[in-house]
């Protein structure tokens, strides 16, 4: 087994950043950087770009970002290690994240996570031997109205149970079609998802249902009752409301 070093890579790992790869990625990086008034603002999508190339962010990937933005490797490392959306070591084709934040947890998220750990024989952050699934517990996915929620490569699987979650990971490992509850009609791999997050559209953003059920309840009620949001340009200020309003 290869041993992880402090950079999140392994001692036996071979860099994918050949001259040919660097030349190709530099063209994508140029396009990404052009979207921002200040080059260093492009660091987050650039990290997704290198993650799309090798499945995680290695020291070589961070060095590529630093070179493109003319900043230090330490500055890139500080960002890459702060955000959990960047892997620091190789993982599976499908990142299965079980929400264990408060609402999902009490609705069954903790049970789902425990059942998947046992079913896959994995600890948090580990990957199946076939390289298909990496399991992790995640914080709030902003989908509390569909708790408990599981995400696969950032796509939603709502109202899950231990049984449905286990069936899903089994299907992923067998190469079967697995369809998210909302959004695209099929799953892409972790690398493909990272490229989308880098800002390169895969043409699937408009597929499927984006919001449904409880998420639209308030909007539907407002429409039924003829409610409209106040004009933000005409909202009263504390000064308009006098001293009592200011309080």
C-alpha atoms as a PDB file:
ATOM      1  CA  UNK A   1       0.000   0.000   0.000  1.00  0.00           C
ATOM      2  CA  UNK A   2       1.268   3.462  -0.812  1.00  0.00           C
ATOM      3  CA  UNK A   3       1.802   5.828   2.075  1.00  0.00           C
ATOM      4  CA  UNK A   4       0.233   9.287   2.081  1.00  0.00           C
ATOM      5  CA  UNK A   5       2.593  12.205   2.555  1.00  0.00           C
ATOM      6  CA  UNK A   6       1.863  15.689   3.882  1.00  0.00           C
ATOM      7  CA  UNK A   7       0.875  16.946   0.449  1.00  0.00           C
ATOM      8  CA  UNK A   8      -2.082  14.600   0.110  1.00  0.00           C
ATOM      9  CA  UNK A   9      -0.325  12.564  -2.566  1.00  0.00           C
ATOM     10  CA  UNK A  10       1.417   9.214  -2.290  1.00  0.00           C
ATOM     11  CA  UNK A  11       5.078   8.333  -2.448  1.00  0.00           C
ATOM     12  CA  UNK A  12       4.529   6.029  -5.458  1.00  0.00           C
ATOM     13  CA  UNK A  13       2.120   8.339  -7.271  1.00  0.00           C
ATOM     14  CA  UNK A  14       3.252   9.531 -10.695  1.00  0.00           C
ATOM     15  CA  UNK A  15       2.408  13.082 -11.686  1.00  0.00           C
ATOM     16  CA  UNK A  16      -0.005  13.481 -14.584  1.00  0.00           C
ATOM     17  CA  UNK A  17       1.253  17.000 -15.241  1.00  0.00           C
ATOM     18  CA  UNK A  18       3.393  16.277 -18.267  1.00  0.00           C
ATOM     19  CA  UNK A  19       4.382  19.096 -20.599  1.00  0.00           C
ATOM     20  CA  UNK A  20       1.541  18.112 -22.918  1.00  0.00           C
ATOM     21  CA  UNK A  21      -1.036  18.202 -20.110  1.00  0.00           C
ATOM     22  CA  UNK A  22       0.255  21.523 -18.781  1.00  0.00           C
ATOM     23  CA  UNK A  23       0.033  23.083 -22.254  1.00  0.00           C
ATOM     24  CA  UNK A  24      -3.540  21.867 -22.681  1.00  0.00           C
ATOM     25  CA  UNK A  25      -4.654  22.954 -19.218  1.00  0.00           C
ATOM     26  CA  UNK A  26      -2.999  26.335 -19.642  1.00  0.00           C
ATOM     27  CA  UNK A  27      -5.455  27.080 -22.465  1.00  0.00           C
ATOM     28  CA  UNK A  28      -8.399  26.233 -20.215  1.00  0.00           C
ATOM     29  CA  UNK A  29      -6.836  28.247 -17.399  1.00  0.00           C
ATOM     30  CA  UNK A  30      -6.483  31.260 -19.684  1.00  0.00           C
ATOM     31  CA  UNK A  31     -10.198  31.103 -20.468  1.00  0.00           C
ATOM     32  CA  UNK A  32     -11.100  30.809 -16.778  1.00  0.00           C
ATOM     33  CA  UNK A  33      -8.855  33.690 -15.714  1.00  0.00           C
ATOM     34  CA  UNK A  34     -10.316  35.945 -18.417  1.00  0.00           C
ATOM     35  CA  UNK A  35     -13.677  35.833 -16.635  1.00  0.00           C
ATOM     36  CA  UNK A  36     -12.378  37.752 -13.624  1.00  0.00           C
ATOM     37  CA  UNK A  37     -11.213  41.359 -13.188  1.00  0.00           C
ATOM     38  CA  UNK A  38      -8.337  40.129 -10.986  1.00  0.00           C
ATOM     39  CA  UNK A  39      -6.523  36.910 -11.944  1.00  0.00           C
ATOM     40  CA  UNK A  40      -6.224  35.519  -8.428  1.00  0.00           C
ATOM     41  CA  UNK A  41     -10.039  35.483  -8.187  1.00  0.00           C
ATOM     42  CA  UNK A  42      -9.898  32.490 -10.547  1.00  0.00           C
ATOM     43  CA  UNK A  43      -8.193  30.251  -7.990  1.00  0.00           C
ATOM     44  CA  UNK A  44     -11.287  28.262  -6.968  1.00  0.00           C
ATOM     45  CA  UNK A  45     -12.265  27.225 -10.524  1.00  0.00           C
ATOM     46  CA  UNK A  46      -8.611  26.534 -11.334  1.00  0.00           C
ATOM     47  CA  UNK A  47      -8.463  24.101  -8.432  1.00  0.00           C
ATOM     48  CA  UNK A  48     -11.531  22.373  -9.861  1.00  0.00           C
ATOM     49  CA  UNK A  49      -9.771  22.287 -13.238  1.00  0.00           C
ATOM     50  CA  UNK A  50      -6.736  20.424 -11.918  1.00  0.00           C
ATOM     51  CA  UNK A  51      -9.012  18.172  -9.878  1.00  0.00           C
ATOM     52  CA  UNK A  52     -10.841  17.298 -13.095  1.00  0.00           C
ATOM     53  CA  UNK A  53      -7.533  16.172 -14.549  1.00  0.00           C
ATOM     54  CA  UNK A  54      -6.349  13.824 -11.803  1.00  0.00           C
ATOM     55  CA  UNK A  55      -9.345  13.374  -9.512  1.00  0.00           C
ATOM     56  CA  UNK A  56      -7.800  15.263  -6.617  1.00  0.00           C
ATOM     57  CA  UNK A  57      -5.619  18.302  -5.962  1.00  0.00           C
ATOM     58  CA  UNK A  58      -1.976  17.281  -5.695  1.00  0.00           C
ATOM     59  CA  UNK A  59       1.044  19.448  -5.041  1.00  0.00           C
ATOM     60  CA  UNK A  60       1.725  19.499  -8.778  1.00  0.00           C
ATOM     61  CA  UNK A  61      -1.836  20.679  -9.364  1.00  0.00           C
ATOM     62  CA  UNK A  62      -1.445  23.437  -6.820  1.00  0.00           C
ATOM     63  CA  UNK A  63       1.874  24.447  -8.377  1.00  0.00           C
ATOM     64  CA  UNK A  64       0.138  24.702 -11.764  1.00  0.00           C
ATOM     65  CA  UNK A  65      -2.471  27.050 -10.254  1.00  0.00           C
ATOM     66  CA  UNK A  66       0.225  29.138  -8.592  1.00  0.00           C
ATOM     67  CA  UNK A  67       2.132  29.482 -11.870  1.00  0.00           C
ATOM     68  CA  UNK A  68      -0.997  30.497 -13.795  1.00  0.00           C
ATOM     69  CA  UNK A  69      -1.938  33.167 -11.267  1.00  0.00           C
ATOM     70  CA  UNK A  70       1.577  34.283 -10.313  1.00  0.00           C
ATOM     71  CA  UNK A  71       0.952  33.642  -6.615  1.00  0.00           C
ATOM     72  CA  UNK A  72       2.800  31.479  -4.127  1.00  0.00           C
ATOM     73  CA  UNK A  73       2.288  27.771  -3.599  1.00  0.00           C
ATOM     74  CA  UNK A  74       1.504  28.542   0.052  1.00  0.00           C
ATOM     75  CA  UNK A  75      -1.385  30.784  -0.991  1.00  0.00           C
ATOM     76  CA  UNK A  76      -2.846  28.045  -3.170  1.00  0.00           C
ATOM     77  CA  UNK A  77      -2.361  25.421  -0.472  1.00  0.00           C
ATOM     78  CA  UNK A  78      -4.182  27.594   2.063  1.00  0.00           C
ATOM     79  CA  UNK A  79      -7.260  27.667  -0.156  1.00  0.00           C
ATOM     80  CA  UNK A  80      -7.110  24.039  -1.283  1.00  0.00           C
ATOM     81  CA  UNK A  81      -6.915  22.787   2.306  1.00  0.00           C
ATOM     82  CA  UNK A  82      -9.691  25.079   3.545  1.00  0.00           C
ATOM     83  CA  UNK A  83     -12.497  23.843   1.290  1.00  0.00           C
ATOM     84  CA  UNK A  84     -13.714  20.265   1.638  1.00  0.00           C
ATOM     85  CA  UNK A  85     -14.841  20.173  -2.002  1.00  0.00           C
ATOM     86  CA  UNK A  86     -11.219  19.610  -3.004  1.00  0.00           C
ATOM     87  CA  UNK A  87      -9.822  16.122  -2.488  1.00  0.00           C
ATOM     88  CA  UNK A  88      -6.273  15.910  -1.235  1.00  0.00           C
ATOM     89  CA  UNK A  89      -5.733  12.296  -2.258  1.00  0.00           C
ATOM     90  CA  UNK A  90      -7.100   9.935  -4.927  1.00  0.00           C
ATOM     91  CA  UNK A  91     -10.703   8.810  -4.511  1.00  0.00           C
ATOM     92  CA  UNK A  92     -13.514   7.022  -6.280  1.00  0.00           C
ATOM     93  CA  UNK A  93     -15.470   7.847  -9.406  1.00  0.00           C
ATOM     94  CA  UNK A  94     -18.458   8.668  -7.211  1.00  0.00           C
ATOM     95  CA  UNK A  95     -18.253  10.728  -4.041  1.00  0.00           C
ATOM     96  CA  UNK A  96     -21.181   9.627  -1.866  1.00  0.00           C
ATOM     97  CA  UNK A  97     -21.826  12.245   0.786  1.00  0.00           C
ATOM     98  CA  UNK A  98     -24.353  11.573   3.526  1.00  0.00           C
ATOM     99  CA  UNK A  99     -25.664  14.673   5.283  1.00  0.00           C
ATOM    100  CA  UNK A 100     -25.259  14.282   9.038  1.00  0.00           C
ATOM    101  CA  UNK A 101     -26.166  17.822   9.978  1.00  0.00           C
ATOM    102  CA  UNK A 102     -28.937  18.334  12.516  1.00  0.00           C
ATOM    103  CA  UNK A 103     -32.157  17.854  10.544  1.00  0.00           C
ATOM    104  CA  UNK A 104     -30.889  15.111   8.244  1.00  0.00           C
ATOM    105  CA  UNK A 105     -29.311  13.372  11.238  1.00  0.00           C
ATOM    106  CA  UNK A 106     -32.512  13.218  13.268  1.00  0.00           C
ATOM    107  CA  UNK A 107     -34.474  12.204  10.166  1.00  0.00           C
ATOM    108  CA  UNK A 108     -32.193   9.227   9.588  1.00  0.00           C
ATOM    109  CA  UNK A 109     -28.923  10.557   8.179  1.00  0.00           C
ATOM    110  CA  UNK A 110     -26.818   9.081  10.966  1.00  0.00           C
ATOM    111  CA  UNK A 111     -28.430   5.693  10.428  1.00  0.00           C
ATOM    112  CA  UNK A 112     -27.827   5.897   6.676  1.00  0.00           C
ATOM    113  CA  UNK A 113     -24.176   6.779   7.173  1.00  0.00           C
ATOM    114  CA  UNK A 114     -23.645   3.959   9.655  1.00  0.00           C
ATOM    115  CA  UNK A 115     -25.351   1.443   7.378  1.00  0.00           C
ATOM    116  CA  UNK A 116     -23.230   2.486   4.388  1.00  0.00           C
ATOM    117  CA  UNK A 117     -20.008   2.252   6.390  1.00  0.00           C
ATOM    118  CA  UNK A 118     -20.929  -1.290   7.374  1.00  0.00           C
ATOM    119  CA  UNK A 119     -22.253  -2.232   3.938  1.00  0.00           C
ATOM    120  CA  UNK A 120     -19.165  -0.968   2.100  1.00  0.00           C
ATOM    121  CA  UNK A 121     -16.719  -1.770   4.907  1.00  0.00           C
ATOM    122  CA  UNK A 122     -15.395   1.787   4.790  1.00  0.00           C
ATOM    123  CA  UNK A 123     -14.560   4.495   7.269  1.00  0.00           C
ATOM    124  CA  UNK A 124     -15.262   8.154   6.559  1.00  0.00           C
ATOM    125  CA  UNK A 125     -13.240   9.338   3.567  1.00  0.00           C
ATOM    126  CA  UNK A 126     -12.251   5.868   2.385  1.00  0.00           C
ATOM    127  CA  UNK A 127     -12.754   4.385  -1.086  1.00  0.00           C
ATOM    128  CA  UNK A 128     -13.907   0.946  -2.184  1.00  0.00           C
ATOM    129  CA  UNK A 129     -11.228  -1.348  -3.593  1.00  0.00           C
ATOM    130  CA  UNK A 130     -12.764  -1.154  -7.068  1.00  0.00           C
ATOM    131  CA  UNK A 131     -12.254   2.622  -7.064  1.00  0.00           C
ATOM    132  CA  UNK A 132     -15.917   3.324  -7.623  1.00  0.00           C
ATOM    133  CA  UNK A 133     -17.215   4.875  -4.381  1.00  0.00           C
ATOM    134  CA  UNK A 134     -15.730   7.223  -1.812  1.00  0.00           C
ATOM    135  CA  UNK A 135     -17.874   7.606   1.309  1.00  0.00           C
ATOM    136  CA  UNK A 136     -17.996  10.709   3.459  1.00  0.00           C
ATOM    137  CA  UNK A 137     -20.292  12.481   5.855  1.00  0.00           C
ATOM    138  CA  UNK A 138     -21.041  16.052   4.846  1.00  0.00           C
ATOM    139  CA  UNK A 139     -22.594  19.106   6.407  1.00  0.00           C
ATOM    140  CA  UNK A 140     -25.797  20.801   5.277  1.00  0.00           C
ATOM    141  CA  UNK A 141     -26.591  20.451   1.569  1.00  0.00           C
ATOM    142  CA  UNK A 142     -29.254  23.194   1.684  1.00  0.00           C
ATOM    143  CA  UNK A 143     -32.002  20.658   1.023  1.00  0.00           C
ATOM    144  CA  UNK A 144     -33.455  20.268   4.515  1.00  0.00           C
ATOM    145  CA  UNK A 145     -36.988  19.988   3.137  1.00  0.00           C
ATOM    146  CA  UNK A 146     -36.001  16.644   1.599  1.00  0.00           C
ATOM    147  CA  UNK A 147     -34.152  15.225   4.604  1.00  0.00           C
ATOM    148  CA  UNK A 148     -32.387  12.878   4.873  1.00  0.00           C
ATOM    149  CA  UNK A 149     -30.332  13.751   1.811  1.00  0.00           C
ATOM    150  CA  UNK A 150     -27.435  11.942   0.154  1.00  0.00           C
ATOM    151  CA  UNK A 151     -25.357  13.609  -2.549  1.00  0.00           C
ATOM    152  CA  UNK A 152     -23.380  11.823  -5.261  1.00  0.00           C
ATOM    153  CA  UNK A 153     -20.877  14.061  -7.044  1.00  0.00           C
ATOM    154  CA  UNK A 154     -22.988  16.999  -5.803  1.00  0.00           C
ATOM    155  CA  UNK A 155     -26.266  15.701  -7.247  1.00  0.00           C
ATOM    156  CA  UNK A 156     -29.259  15.259  -4.929  1.00  0.00           C
ATOM    157  CA  UNK A 157     -30.774  12.007  -3.747  1.00  0.00           C
ATOM    158  CA  UNK A 158     -33.673  13.070  -1.546  1.00  0.00           C
ATOM    159  CA  UNK A 159     -35.688  11.303   1.168  1.00  0.00           C
ATOM    160  CA  UNK A 160     -33.223   8.448   1.479  1.00  0.00           C
ATOM    161  CA  UNK A 161     -33.335   5.389   3.731  1.00  0.00           C
ATOM    162  CA  UNK A 162     -30.587   2.888   4.590  1.00  0.00           C
ATOM    163  CA  UNK A 163     -32.112   0.472   2.077  1.00  0.00           C
ATOM    164  CA  UNK A 164     -32.297   2.944  -0.825  1.00  0.00           C
ATOM    165  CA  UNK A 165     -28.807   4.277  -0.101  1.00  0.00           C
ATOM    166  CA  UNK A 166     -27.301   0.790  -0.106  1.00  0.00           C
ATOM    167  CA  UNK A 167     -29.074  -0.060  -3.347  1.00  0.00           C
ATOM    168  CA  UNK A 168     -27.736   3.141  -4.889  1.00  0.00           C
ATOM    169  CA  UNK A 169     -24.084   2.454  -4.039  1.00  0.00           C
ATOM    170  CA  UNK A 170     -24.459  -1.149  -5.232  1.00  0.00           C
ATOM    171  CA  UNK A 171     -25.819   0.086  -8.558  1.00  0.00           C
ATOM    172  CA  UNK A 172     -22.969   2.591  -8.874  1.00  0.00           C
ATOM    173  CA  UNK A 173     -20.418  -0.156  -8.361  1.00  0.00           C
ATOM    174  CA  UNK A 174     -22.149  -2.373 -10.924  1.00  0.00           C
ATOM    175  CA  UNK A 175     -22.214   0.382 -13.527  1.00  0.00           C
ATOM    176  CA  UNK A 176     -25.986   0.622 -13.616  1.00  0.00           C
ATOM    177  CA  UNK A 177     -27.827   3.843 -14.439  1.00  0.00           C
ATOM    178  CA  UNK A 178     -28.428   5.859 -11.287  1.00  0.00           C
ATOM    179  CA  UNK A 179     -30.697   8.894 -11.632  1.00  0.00           C
ATOM    180  CA  UNK A 180     -30.641  11.791  -9.153  1.00  0.00           C
ATOM    181  CA  UNK A 181     -33.917  12.893  -7.586  1.00  0.00           C
ATOM    182  CA  UNK A 182     -33.484  16.361  -9.047  1.00  0.00           C
ATOM    183  CA  UNK A 183     -31.282  17.873 -11.721  1.00  0.00           C
ATOM    184  CA  UNK A 184     -29.510  15.940 -14.506  1.00  0.00           C
ATOM    185  CA  UNK A 185     -31.030  12.688 -15.689  1.00  0.00           C
ATOM    186  CA  UNK A 186     -27.776  10.805 -15.171  1.00  0.00           C
ATOM    187  CA  UNK A 187     -24.658  10.999 -13.041  1.00  0.00           C
ATOM    188  CA  UNK A 188     -21.272  12.092 -14.293  1.00  0.00           C
ATOM    189  CA  UNK A 189     -17.998  11.012 -12.718  1.00  0.00           C
ATOM    190  CA  UNK A 190     -16.145  13.004 -10.073  1.00  0.00           C
ATOM    191  CA  UNK A 191     -13.656  14.275 -12.651  1.00  0.00           C
ATOM    192  CA  UNK A 192     -16.436  15.325 -15.013  1.00  0.00           C
ATOM    193  CA  UNK A 193     -18.261  17.109 -12.196  1.00  0.00           C
ATOM    194  CA  UNK A 194     -15.066  18.942 -11.276  1.00  0.00           C
ATOM    195  CA  UNK A 195     -14.711  20.235 -14.828  1.00  0.00           C
ATOM    196  CA  UNK A 196     -18.280  21.549 -14.722  1.00  0.00           C
ATOM    197  CA  UNK A 197     -17.468  23.316 -11.449  1.00  0.00           C
ATOM    198  CA  UNK A 198     -14.446  24.816 -13.172  1.00  0.00           C
ATOM    199  CA  UNK A 199     -16.940  26.556 -15.441  1.00  0.00           C
ATOM    200  CA  UNK A 200     -17.138  24.327 -18.515  1.00  0.00           C
ATOM    201  CA  UNK A 201     -20.777  23.503 -19.232  1.00  0.00           C
ATOM    202  CA  UNK A 202     -21.582  19.884 -20.055  1.00  0.00           C
ATOM    203  CA  UNK A 203     -25.005  20.800 -21.447  1.00  0.00           C
ATOM    204  CA  UNK A 204     -26.974  19.098 -18.677  1.00  0.00           C
ATOM    205  CA  UNK A 205     -27.733  22.041 -16.391  1.00  0.00           C
ATOM    206  CA  UNK A 206     -31.314  22.366 -17.596  1.00  0.00           C
ATOM    207  CA  UNK A 207     -32.195  18.702 -17.303  1.00  0.00           C
ATOM    208  CA  UNK A 208     -34.712  17.341 -14.844  1.00  0.00           C
ATOM    209  CA  UNK A 209     -36.580  19.048 -12.033  1.00  0.00           C
ATOM    210  CA  UNK A 210     -34.580  21.701 -10.216  1.00  0.00           C
ATOM    211  CA  UNK A 211     -36.999  22.394  -7.363  1.00  0.00           C
ATOM    212  CA  UNK A 212     -40.117  20.557  -6.254  1.00  0.00           C
ATOM    213  CA  UNK A 213     -42.500  19.738  -3.444  1.00  0.00           C
ATOM    214  CA  UNK A 214     -41.732  21.447  -0.141  1.00  0.00           C
ATOM    215  CA  UNK A 215     -39.275  23.853  -1.766  1.00  0.00           C
ATOM    216  CA  UNK A 216     -42.110  25.410  -3.790  1.00  0.00           C
ATOM    217  CA  UNK A 217     -44.815  25.354  -1.118  1.00  0.00           C
ATOM    218  CA  UNK A 218     -44.279  28.951  -0.026  1.00  0.00           C
ATOM    219  CA  UNK A 219     -44.109  30.220  -3.599  1.00  0.00           C
ATOM    220  CA  UNK A 220     -47.294  28.392  -4.578  1.00  0.00           C
ATOM    221  CA  UNK A 221     -49.142  29.741  -1.532  1.00  0.00           C
ATOM    222  CA  UNK A 222     -48.051  33.294  -2.380  1.00  0.00           C
ATOM    223  CA  UNK A 223     -49.330  32.902  -5.921  1.00  0.00           C
ATOM    224  CA  UNK A 224     -52.660  31.519  -4.747  1.00  0.00           C
ATOM    225  CA  UNK A 225     -53.162  34.496  -2.427  1.00  0.00           C
ATOM    226  CA  UNK A 226     -51.832  37.090  -4.819  1.00  0.00           C
ATOM    227  CA  UNK A 227     -48.908  38.057  -2.595  1.00  0.00           C
ATOM    228  CA  UNK A 228     -46.035  39.969  -4.130  1.00  0.00           C
ATOM    229  CA  UNK A 229     -42.661  40.887  -2.744  1.00  0.00           C
ATOM    230  CA  UNK A 230     -42.278  44.567  -1.835  1.00  0.00           C
ATOM    231  CA  UNK A 231     -40.342  46.797  -4.202  1.00  0.00           C
ATOM    232  CA  UNK A 232     -36.790  46.867  -2.777  1.00  0.00           C
ATOM    233  CA  UNK A 233     -36.397  50.419  -4.041  1.00  0.00           C
ATOM    234  CA  UNK A 234     -39.317  51.623  -1.937  1.00  0.00           C
ATOM    235  CA  UNK A 235     -38.710  49.873   1.370  1.00  0.00           C
ATOM    236  CA  UNK A 236     -38.979  52.169   4.415  1.00  0.00           C
ATOM    237  CA  UNK A 237     -35.727  52.901   6.216  1.00  0.00           C
ATOM    238  CA  UNK A 238     -35.364  53.409   9.989  1.00  0.00           C
ATOM    239  CA  UNK A 239     -35.058  57.131   9.318  1.00  0.00           C
ATOM    240  CA  UNK A 240     -38.367  57.110   7.409  1.00  0.00           C
ATOM    241  CA  UNK A 241     -40.018  55.238  10.262  1.00  0.00           C
ATOM    242  CA  UNK A 242     -38.814  57.667  12.900  1.00  0.00           C
ATOM    243  CA  UNK A 243     -37.171  56.938  16.222  1.00  0.00           C
ATOM    244  CA  UNK A 244     -39.577  54.106  17.095  1.00  0.00           C
ATOM    245  CA  UNK A 245     -38.921  52.370  13.793  1.00  0.00           C
ATOM    246  CA  UNK A 246     -35.185  52.654  14.283  1.00  0.00           C
ATOM    247  CA  UNK A 247     -35.530  50.793  17.563  1.00  0.00           C
END
